[in-house]
Amino acid sequence: MRLAAEIIFWLSASALVYTYAGYPILLALVSTVRPRKVRRGKFETPVTVIITAYNEERVLAAKLENTLALDYPRGLLEIIVASDCSIDRTDEIARVFAARGVRLHRQPQRLGKTAAQNAAVERARGEIILFSDATSLYQRDVLRAIMPSFADPGVGCVAGRLVYVDPSDSRVGRGARSYWSYETFLKQHESNACSLIGASGCLYAVRRMAYVPLYHEACSDFIIATKMVEQGLRAVYEPAAVCTEETNRRAGSELKMRVRVIAQTFTDLWRHRGMLNPLRSGFYAVQLLSHKVMRYFVPFFLLGIFVASVVLSGRNLFFQILFVAQLVCYLCAVLASLLERVGIRSHLLVFPQYFVLANLASVIALYKFIRGQRYPHWEPIR
């Protein structure tokens, strides 16, 4: 039993270390030793900005003003609001901006964000399609930063940099910003090494001719990169193209959002499982396996480490200390959730709470995926 526990422990610990540290080191090495450069150049062509919205009356006017103020020739900029059967004033607000060139497309029935995007792309006149959310605000030079990468014919998608802000300085917001800083590091090096495996849904642009209509339950900002690679193109990262968005402030909202996104990603990975074969997609398969598959299986690595630590802690001081450390981490996460319910903040509990929340979301999402639950619809929660 001890031998089995030791094997489980070291396999689980190795997988965990590779997922969080080994893979970033591998990425940094590959992107440094054999970087794939983007041949940037002057590229100015008609652009369509698609803002997908469902019940966004609170933020849509500000978003449209922000988009109309972008530094790009007005004659080359088209703006479409794709309303997924909103039942508030979203459509009315979009119509108010019609005199300034904003077009409204209202879905005949509510089929979800991805379906609304597909329909809007069909009506778009731009050669480049920029996808955005109503809750995100762009810096004025976003298009000036994005467009030069499209001068490279091998680039099919360009993703910008999302900066999370949290005016309330909540624990969940701090955790989300820290997690996103780590993700941003991976995006930069994945782009340099091969291709992005996903984009920020609030800021990514695609060549109109390379856009493939997606199935309704797809996590479009994730799978769009795979669709580019399937066509022999790349998705690249442009950190100079910046947008801001407020984080979730409550653990429940963050958990709900992450469960939905991860469950959709499981569906995407299963539908495109052939891309996980390195013989077919090369280093891109390594990125998918390392960044997505192994990341989402971290809860099982943690479970293996915890159970093995319990078994091995009887006569070994190292495993005794490790067991106590894990127990303290999980209890801190529980305590953070309890304190949040009564309005008490503790910055010391930020990281254990968000770490446990993120991995709990993976377990719930996998369960929902196995049961066949899909998420074609979406509810704005920020």
Protein backbone atom coordinates (compact mmCIF):
# COMPACT_ATOMS: atom_id res chain seq x y z
CA MET A 1 0.00 0.00 0.00
CA ARG A 2 2.86 2.37 0.84
CA LEU A 3 4.54 1.61 -2.47
CA ALA A 4 1.31 2.34 -4.36
CA ALA A 5 0.89 5.57 -2.36
CA GLU A 6 4.45 6.64 -3.19
CA ILE A 7 3.94 5.97 -6.89
CA ILE A 8 0.66 7.93 -6.88
CA PHE A 9 2.27 10.78 -4.96
CA TRP A 10 5.28 11.21 -7.22
CA LEU A 11 3.28 10.83 -10.43
CA SER A 12 0.71 13.37 -9.22
CA ALA A 13 3.36 15.77 -7.92
CA SER A 14 5.32 15.55 -11.17
CA ALA A 15 2.20 16.24 -13.23
CA LEU A 16 1.31 19.20 -11.00
CA VAL A 17 4.81 20.71 -11.20
CA TYR A 18 4.91 20.28 -14.97
CA THR A 19 1.50 21.90 -15.42
CA TYR A 20 2.26 25.05 -13.43
CA ALA A 21 6.05 25.37 -13.85
CA GLY A 22 7.46 22.89 -16.34
CA TYR A 23 5.21 23.91 -19.20
CA PRO A 24 5.90 27.66 -18.82
CA ILE A 25 9.64 26.91 -18.77
CA LEU A 26 9.30 24.73 -21.89
CA LEU A 27 7.35 27.50 -23.62
CA ALA A 28 9.90 30.14 -22.71
CA LEU A 29 12.72 27.96 -24.06
CA VAL A 30 10.97 27.16 -27.35
CA SER A 31 9.88 30.75 -27.93
CA THR A 32 13.44 31.94 -27.25
CA VAL A 33 15.37 29.30 -29.21
CA ARG A 34 13.11 29.15 -32.28
CA PRO A 35 10.64 32.06 -32.17
CA ARG A 36 8.08 32.42 -34.94
CA LYS A 37 8.16 36.06 -35.93
CA VAL A 38 5.20 38.01 -37.27
CA ARG A 39 5.95 40.03 -40.41
CA ARG A 40 4.21 43.23 -39.39
CA GLY A 41 3.56 46.03 -41.84
CA LYS A 42 1.11 48.73 -42.87
CA PHE A 43 -2.35 47.22 -43.20
CA GLU A 44 -5.45 49.38 -43.40
CA THR A 45 -8.66 47.74 -44.58
CA PRO A 46 -12.38 47.82 -43.68
CA VAL A 47 -13.02 46.53 -40.16
CA THR A 48 -16.29 45.39 -38.60
CA VAL A 49 -16.58 45.53 -34.82
CA ILE A 50 -19.16 43.04 -33.55
CA ILE A 51 -20.45 43.70 -30.04
CA THR A 52 -22.44 40.71 -28.82
CA ALA A 53 -24.96 41.63 -26.16
CA TYR A 54 -27.70 40.19 -24.02
CA ASN A 55 -29.44 42.61 -21.63
CA GLU A 56 -26.56 45.11 -21.55
CA GLU A 57 -28.56 48.34 -21.13
CA ARG A 58 -26.34 49.38 -18.22
CA VAL A 59 -23.11 49.51 -20.24
CA LEU A 60 -23.95 49.53 -23.95
CA ALA A 61 -24.07 53.31 -24.50
CA ALA A 62 -20.62 53.76 -22.95
CA LYS A 63 -19.30 50.85 -25.00
CA LEU A 64 -20.59 52.34 -28.27
CA GLU A 65 -19.13 55.76 -27.46
CA ASN A 66 -15.83 54.05 -26.71
CA THR A 67 -15.91 52.15 -30.03
CA LEU A 68 -16.86 55.21 -32.08
CA ALA A 69 -13.86 57.03 -30.59
CA LEU A 70 -11.32 54.47 -31.87
CA ASP A 71 -8.40 55.89 -33.82
CA TYR A 72 -9.26 54.46 -37.25
CA PRO A 73 -10.67 55.99 -40.46
CA ARG A 74 -14.42 56.30 -39.91
CA GLY A 75 -15.16 55.25 -43.47
CA LEU A 76 -13.39 51.95 -42.84
CA LEU A 77 -15.08 51.18 -39.52
CA GLU A 78 -18.40 49.35 -39.22
CA ILE A 79 -20.09 48.62 -35.87
CA ILE A 80 -22.71 45.91 -35.39
CA VAL A 81 -24.54 45.19 -32.14
CA ALA A 82 -25.61 41.54 -32.17
CA SER A 83 -28.46 41.29 -29.68
CA ASP A 84 -29.33 37.78 -28.59
CA CYS A 85 -33.03 38.56 -28.02
CA SER A 86 -32.36 41.07 -25.25
CA ILE A 87 -35.44 41.85 -23.17
CA ASP A 88 -34.24 45.15 -21.67
CA ARG A 89 -33.35 48.45 -23.44
CA THR A 90 -30.28 47.04 -25.25
CA ASP A 91 -31.89 47.16 -28.71
CA GLU A 92 -33.37 50.61 -28.09
CA ILE A 93 -29.96 52.01 -27.11
CA ALA A 94 -28.34 50.49 -30.22
CA ARG A 95 -31.00 52.12 -32.43
CA VAL A 96 -30.25 55.52 -30.88
CA PHE A 97 -26.73 55.21 -32.33
CA ALA A 98 -28.01 54.28 -35.82
CA ALA A 99 -27.56 57.87 -37.00
CA ARG A 100 -23.85 57.50 -36.19
CA GLY A 101 -23.49 54.36 -38.27
CA VAL A 102 -24.16 51.65 -35.68
CA ARG A 103 -26.16 48.72 -37.02
CA LEU A 104 -28.35 46.46 -34.91
CA HIS A 105 -28.86 42.78 -35.63
CA ARG A 106 -31.42 41.15 -33.38
CA GLN A 107 -31.55 37.39 -33.38
CA PRO A 108 -35.01 35.98 -34.28
CA GLN A 109 -34.64 33.51 -31.40
CA ARG A 110 -32.24 33.21 -28.51
CA LEU A 111 -29.53 30.74 -29.51
CA GLY A 112 -26.56 32.04 -27.55
CA LYS A 113 -23.49 34.21 -27.98
CA THR A 114 -21.77 32.12 -30.63
CA ALA A 115 -24.87 31.91 -32.82
CA ALA A 116 -25.29 35.68 -32.57
CA GLN A 117 -21.67 36.15 -33.63
CA ASN A 118 -22.13 33.81 -36.59
CA ALA A 119 -25.18 35.77 -37.77
CA ALA A 120 -23.41 39.12 -37.37
CA VAL A 121 -20.38 37.93 -39.37
CA GLU A 122 -22.70 36.99 -42.24
CA ARG A 123 -23.88 40.62 -42.34
CA ALA A 124 -20.45 42.19 -41.85
CA ARG A 125 -18.79 44.15 -44.65
CA GLY A 126 -15.30 44.34 -43.16
CA GLU A 127 -12.36 42.22 -44.25
CA ILE A 128 -11.31 42.02 -40.60
CA ILE A 129 -13.85 41.16 -37.89
CA LEU A 130 -13.15 42.42 -34.37
CA PHE A 131 -15.16 40.66 -31.66
CA SER A 132 -16.00 42.52 -28.47
CA ASP A 133 -18.15 42.37 -25.35
CA ALA A 134 -20.36 45.20 -24.15
CA THR A 135 -18.58 45.24 -20.79
CA SER A 136 -15.06 45.85 -22.15
CA LEU A 137 -13.57 49.25 -23.00
CA TYR A 138 -10.80 49.69 -25.58
CA GLN A 139 -7.86 52.03 -25.67
CA ARG A 140 -8.14 54.38 -28.67
CA ASP A 141 -5.22 52.79 -30.53
CA VAL A 142 -6.48 49.20 -30.36
CA LEU A 143 -6.94 48.84 -34.12
CA ARG A 144 -3.67 50.64 -34.85
CA ALA A 145 -1.97 48.00 -32.69
CA ILE A 146 -3.83 44.99 -34.12
CA MET A 147 -3.87 45.66 -37.86
CA PRO A 148 -0.11 45.50 -38.70
CA SER A 149 -0.01 41.78 -37.79
CA PHE A 150 -2.50 41.03 -40.57
CA ALA A 151 0.13 42.13 -43.08
CA ASP A 152 1.57 38.66 -42.47
CA PRO A 153 -0.49 36.28 -44.67
CA GLY A 154 0.13 33.46 -42.19
CA VAL A 155 -1.78 35.27 -39.43
CA GLY A 156 -5.51 34.55 -39.27
CA CYS A 157 -6.34 35.90 -35.82
CA VAL A 158 -4.87 38.60 -33.57
CA ALA A 159 -5.76 38.72 -29.88
CA GLY A 160 -5.27 41.74 -27.67
CA ARG A 161 -4.41 42.10 -23.99
CA LEU A 162 -7.19 42.11 -21.41
CA VAL A 163 -6.48 44.06 -18.24
CA TYR A 164 -8.80 43.27 -15.34
CA VAL A 165 -9.76 46.09 -12.99
CA ASP A 166 -11.53 45.85 -9.66
CA PRO A 167 -12.53 49.18 -8.08
CA SER A 168 -13.79 47.36 -4.98
CA ASP A 169 -10.44 45.54 -4.46
CA SER A 170 -12.28 42.30 -3.66
CA ARG A 171 -10.55 39.01 -2.83
CA VAL A 172 -12.00 37.33 -5.92
CA GLY A 173 -10.89 40.26 -8.07
CA ARG A 174 -7.34 40.06 -6.71
CA GLY A 175 -7.25 36.33 -7.37
CA ALA A 176 -8.55 36.80 -10.91
CA ARG A 177 -5.93 39.47 -11.68
CA SER A 178 -3.10 37.29 -10.37
CA TYR A 179 -4.34 34.29 -12.34
CA TRP A 180 -4.67 36.43 -15.47
CA SER A 181 -1.10 37.71 -15.12
CA TYR A 182 0.08 34.10 -15.29
CA GLU A 183 -2.17 33.44 -18.29
CA THR A 184 -0.83 36.53 -20.04
CA PHE A 185 2.72 35.21 -19.67
CA LEU A 186 1.63 31.94 -21.32
CA LYS A 187 -0.15 33.76 -24.15
CA GLN A 188 2.93 35.78 -25.02
CA HIS A 189 5.16 32.73 -25.25
CA GLU A 190 2.58 30.48 -26.94
CA SER A 191 2.22 33.11 -29.64
CA ASN A 192 5.99 33.29 -30.13
CA ALA A 193 6.50 29.52 -30.05
CA CYS A 194 3.66 28.45 -32.35
CA SER A 195 0.17 29.91 -32.02
CA LEU A 196 -2.20 31.05 -29.33
CA ILE A 197 -4.57 28.33 -28.20
CA GLY A 198 -7.24 30.85 -27.27
CA ALA A 199 -8.04 34.55 -27.14
CA SER A 200 -9.73 36.93 -24.72
CA GLY A 201 -13.35 36.94 -25.86
CA CYS A 202 -13.62 40.70 -25.47
CA LEU A 203 -10.76 41.54 -27.87
CA TYR A 204 -9.75 39.42 -30.84
CA ALA A 205 -9.81 40.02 -34.58
CA VAL A 206 -10.17 37.46 -37.39
CA ARG A 207 -9.79 37.59 -41.16
CA ARG A 208 -13.30 37.45 -42.61
CA MET A 209 -12.21 34.87 -45.20
CA ALA A 210 -10.80 32.61 -42.46
CA TYR A 211 -13.80 32.77 -40.13
CA VAL A 212 -15.62 29.46 -39.85
CA PRO A 213 -19.21 29.46 -38.48
CA LEU A 214 -19.12 27.71 -35.12
CA TYR A 215 -21.59 25.34 -33.48
CA HIS A 216 -23.77 27.15 -30.94
CA GLU A 217 -22.31 25.66 -27.75
CA ALA A 218 -18.72 26.47 -28.75
CA CYS A 219 -16.48 28.60 -26.55
CA SER A 220 -15.75 30.81 -29.56
CA ASP A 221 -12.79 32.72 -28.14
CA PHE A 222 -11.04 29.43 -27.34
CA ILE A 223 -11.78 27.35 -30.41
CA ILE A 224 -11.16 30.18 -32.90
CA ALA A 225 -7.41 29.60 -32.54
CA THR A 226 -7.78 25.91 -33.41
CA LYS A 227 -9.86 26.84 -36.44
CA MET A 228 -6.99 29.02 -37.62
CA VAL A 229 -4.40 26.27 -37.14
CA GLU A 230 -6.61 23.81 -39.03
CA GLN A 231 -6.36 26.17 -42.02
CA GLY A 232 -2.58 26.49 -41.78
CA LEU A 233 -2.82 29.93 -40.12
CA ARG A 234 -1.78 31.27 -36.72
CA ALA A 235 -3.44 33.13 -33.89
CA VAL A 236 -1.00 35.65 -32.43
CA TYR A 237 -0.88 37.88 -29.37
CA GLU A 238 -0.58 41.66 -29.55
CA PRO A 239 0.03 43.07 -26.03
CA ALA A 240 -0.10 46.67 -27.29
CA ALA A 241 -3.82 46.26 -28.07
CA VAL A 242 -5.37 46.79 -24.65
CA CYS A 243 -8.89 46.64 -23.25
CA THR A 244 -10.13 46.77 -19.67
CA GLU A 245 -12.94 44.92 -17.95
CA GLU A 246 -14.12 44.66 -14.36
CA THR A 247 -13.55 41.37 -12.58
CA ASN A 248 -16.21 39.41 -10.79
CA ARG A 249 -16.36 40.42 -7.15
CA ARG A 250 -18.19 37.44 -5.70
CA ALA A 251 -16.87 33.89 -5.56
CA GLY A 252 -20.23 32.50 -6.67
CA SER A 253 -20.25 34.57 -9.85
CA GLU A 254 -16.65 33.70 -10.67
CA LEU A 255 -17.31 30.00 -10.09
CA LYS A 256 -20.39 30.06 -12.31
CA MET A 257 -18.48 31.79 -15.11
CA ARG A 258 -15.51 29.44 -14.91
CA VAL A 259 -17.70 26.32 -14.87
CA ARG A 260 -19.47 27.48 -18.03
CA VAL A 261 -16.24 28.32 -19.87
CA ILE A 262 -14.45 25.10 -18.88
CA ALA A 263 -17.45 22.92 -19.76
CA GLN A 264 -17.60 24.58 -23.18
CA THR A 265 -13.86 24.04 -23.58
CA PHE A 266 -14.22 20.33 -22.80
CA THR A 267 -16.80 20.13 -25.58
CA ASP A 268 -14.44 21.95 -27.97
CA LEU A 269 -11.51 19.71 -27.08
CA TRP A 270 -13.59 16.58 -27.59
CA ARG A 271 -14.92 17.76 -30.95
CA HIS A 272 -11.36 18.60 -32.07
CA ARG A 273 -9.54 15.77 -30.29
CA GLY A 274 -7.55 15.04 -33.45
CA MET A 275 -5.68 18.32 -32.83
CA LEU A 276 -4.29 16.78 -29.62
CA ASN A 277 -2.14 14.49 -31.78
CA PRO A 278 1.40 15.96 -32.17
CA LEU A 279 1.80 14.03 -35.41
CA ARG A 280 -1.03 16.11 -36.86
CA SER A 281 -0.61 19.53 -35.28
CA GLY A 282 2.96 19.49 -33.99
CA PHE A 283 3.83 21.72 -31.02
CA TYR A 284 0.29 23.11 -31.01
CA ALA A 285 -0.84 19.71 -29.66
CA VAL A 286 1.69 20.02 -26.83
CA GLN A 287 0.24 23.43 -25.99
CA LEU A 288 -3.33 22.13 -25.94
CA LEU A 289 -2.44 19.12 -23.81
CA SER A 290 -0.33 21.12 -21.37
CA HIS A 291 -2.33 24.34 -21.05
CA LYS A 292 -5.85 22.94 -21.21
CA VAL A 293 -6.09 19.18 -20.62
CA MET A 294 -3.52 18.93 -17.83
CA ARG A 295 -4.64 22.22 -16.28
CA TYR A 296 -8.20 20.99 -16.03
CA PHE A 297 -7.04 17.70 -14.50
CA VAL A 298 -5.07 19.43 -11.73
CA PRO A 299 -7.83 18.65 -9.17
CA PHE A 300 -7.14 14.95 -9.67
CA PHE A 301 -3.40 15.51 -9.25
CA LEU A 302 -4.18 17.37 -6.02
CA LEU A 303 -6.44 14.55 -4.86
CA GLY A 304 -3.69 12.00 -5.56
CA ILE A 305 -1.18 14.08 -3.57
CA PHE A 306 -3.60 14.52 -0.66
CA VAL A 307 -4.61 10.85 -0.37
CA ALA A 308 -1.00 9.68 -0.75
CA SER A 309 0.10 12.17 1.92
CA VAL A 310 -2.47 10.77 4.34
CA VAL A 311 -1.25 7.22 3.76
CA LEU A 312 2.45 8.12 3.99
CA SER A 313 2.31 10.62 6.86
CA GLY A 314 2.33 7.99 9.63
CA ARG A 315 6.12 7.53 9.76
CA ASN A 316 7.49 10.30 7.57
CA LEU A 317 7.95 13.90 8.74
CA PHE A 318 8.01 15.26 5.17
CA PHE A 319 4.59 13.83 4.37
CA GLN A 320 3.25 14.91 7.77
CA ILE A 321 4.24 18.51 7.07
CA LEU A 322 2.89 18.28 3.52
CA PHE A 323 -0.44 16.89 4.74
CA VAL A 324 -0.84 19.70 7.29
CA ALA A 325 0.08 22.32 4.67
CA GLN A 326 -2.59 21.04 2.29
CA LEU A 327 -5.18 20.91 5.06
CA VAL A 328 -4.40 24.50 6.07
CA CYS A 329 -4.69 25.66 2.44
CA TYR A 330 -8.12 24.10 1.97
CA LEU A 331 -9.37 25.33 5.35
CA CYS A 332 -8.22 28.86 4.46
CA ALA A 333 -10.26 28.66 1.24
CA VAL A 334 -13.33 27.60 3.22
CA LEU A 335 -12.73 30.35 5.76
CA ALA A 336 -12.41 32.93 2.97
CA SER A 337 -15.79 31.90 1.57
CA LEU A 338 -17.40 32.13 5.01
CA LEU A 339 -15.89 35.56 5.64
CA GLU A 340 -17.06 36.77 2.23
CA ARG A 341 -20.65 35.96 3.18
CA VAL A 342 -20.48 38.31 6.18
CA GLY A 343 -18.60 41.03 4.29
CA ILE A 344 -15.16 40.58 5.90
CA ARG A 345 -12.07 40.87 3.68
CA SER A 346 -8.68 39.28 4.22
CA HIS A 347 -5.98 39.68 1.59
CA LEU A 348 -4.05 36.78 3.14
CA LEU A 349 -6.74 34.39 1.95
CA VAL A 350 -6.82 35.57 -1.68
CA PHE A 351 -4.66 32.89 -3.23
CA PRO A 352 -5.93 29.75 -1.46
CA GLN A 353 -9.52 30.82 -2.14
CA TYR A 354 -9.00 31.45 -5.84
CA PHE A 355 -6.82 28.37 -6.31
CA VAL A 356 -9.50 26.13 -4.79
CA LEU A 357 -12.27 27.95 -6.68
CA ALA A 358 -10.53 27.48 -10.04
CA ASN A 359 -9.95 23.77 -9.46
CA LEU A 360 -13.44 23.20 -8.08
CA ALA A 361 -14.77 24.75 -11.29
CA SER A 362 -12.80 22.19 -13.33
CA VAL A 363 -14.35 19.28 -11.42
CA ILE A 364 -17.89 20.62 -11.75
CA ALA A 365 -17.38 21.42 -15.44
CA LEU A 366 -16.05 17.92 -16.18
CA TYR A 367 -19.06 16.40 -14.41
CA LYS A 368 -21.45 18.55 -16.43
CA PHE A 369 -19.62 17.73 -19.66
CA ILE A 370 -19.78 13.98 -18.99
CA ARG A 371 -23.50 14.29 -18.24
CA GLY A 372 -23.98 15.99 -21.60
CA GLN A 373 -24.90 19.44 -20.29
CA ARG A 374 -24.10 22.18 -22.79
CA TYR A 375 -24.12 25.99 -22.62
CA PRO A 376 -25.40 27.52 -25.85
CA HIS A 377 -26.88 30.49 -23.90
CA TRP A 378 -25.00 32.90 -21.72
CA GLU A 379 -25.97 35.26 -18.91
CA PRO A 380 -23.89 38.39 -18.28
CA ILE A 381 -22.80 38.25 -14.63
CA ARG A 382 -20.41 41.18 -14.22
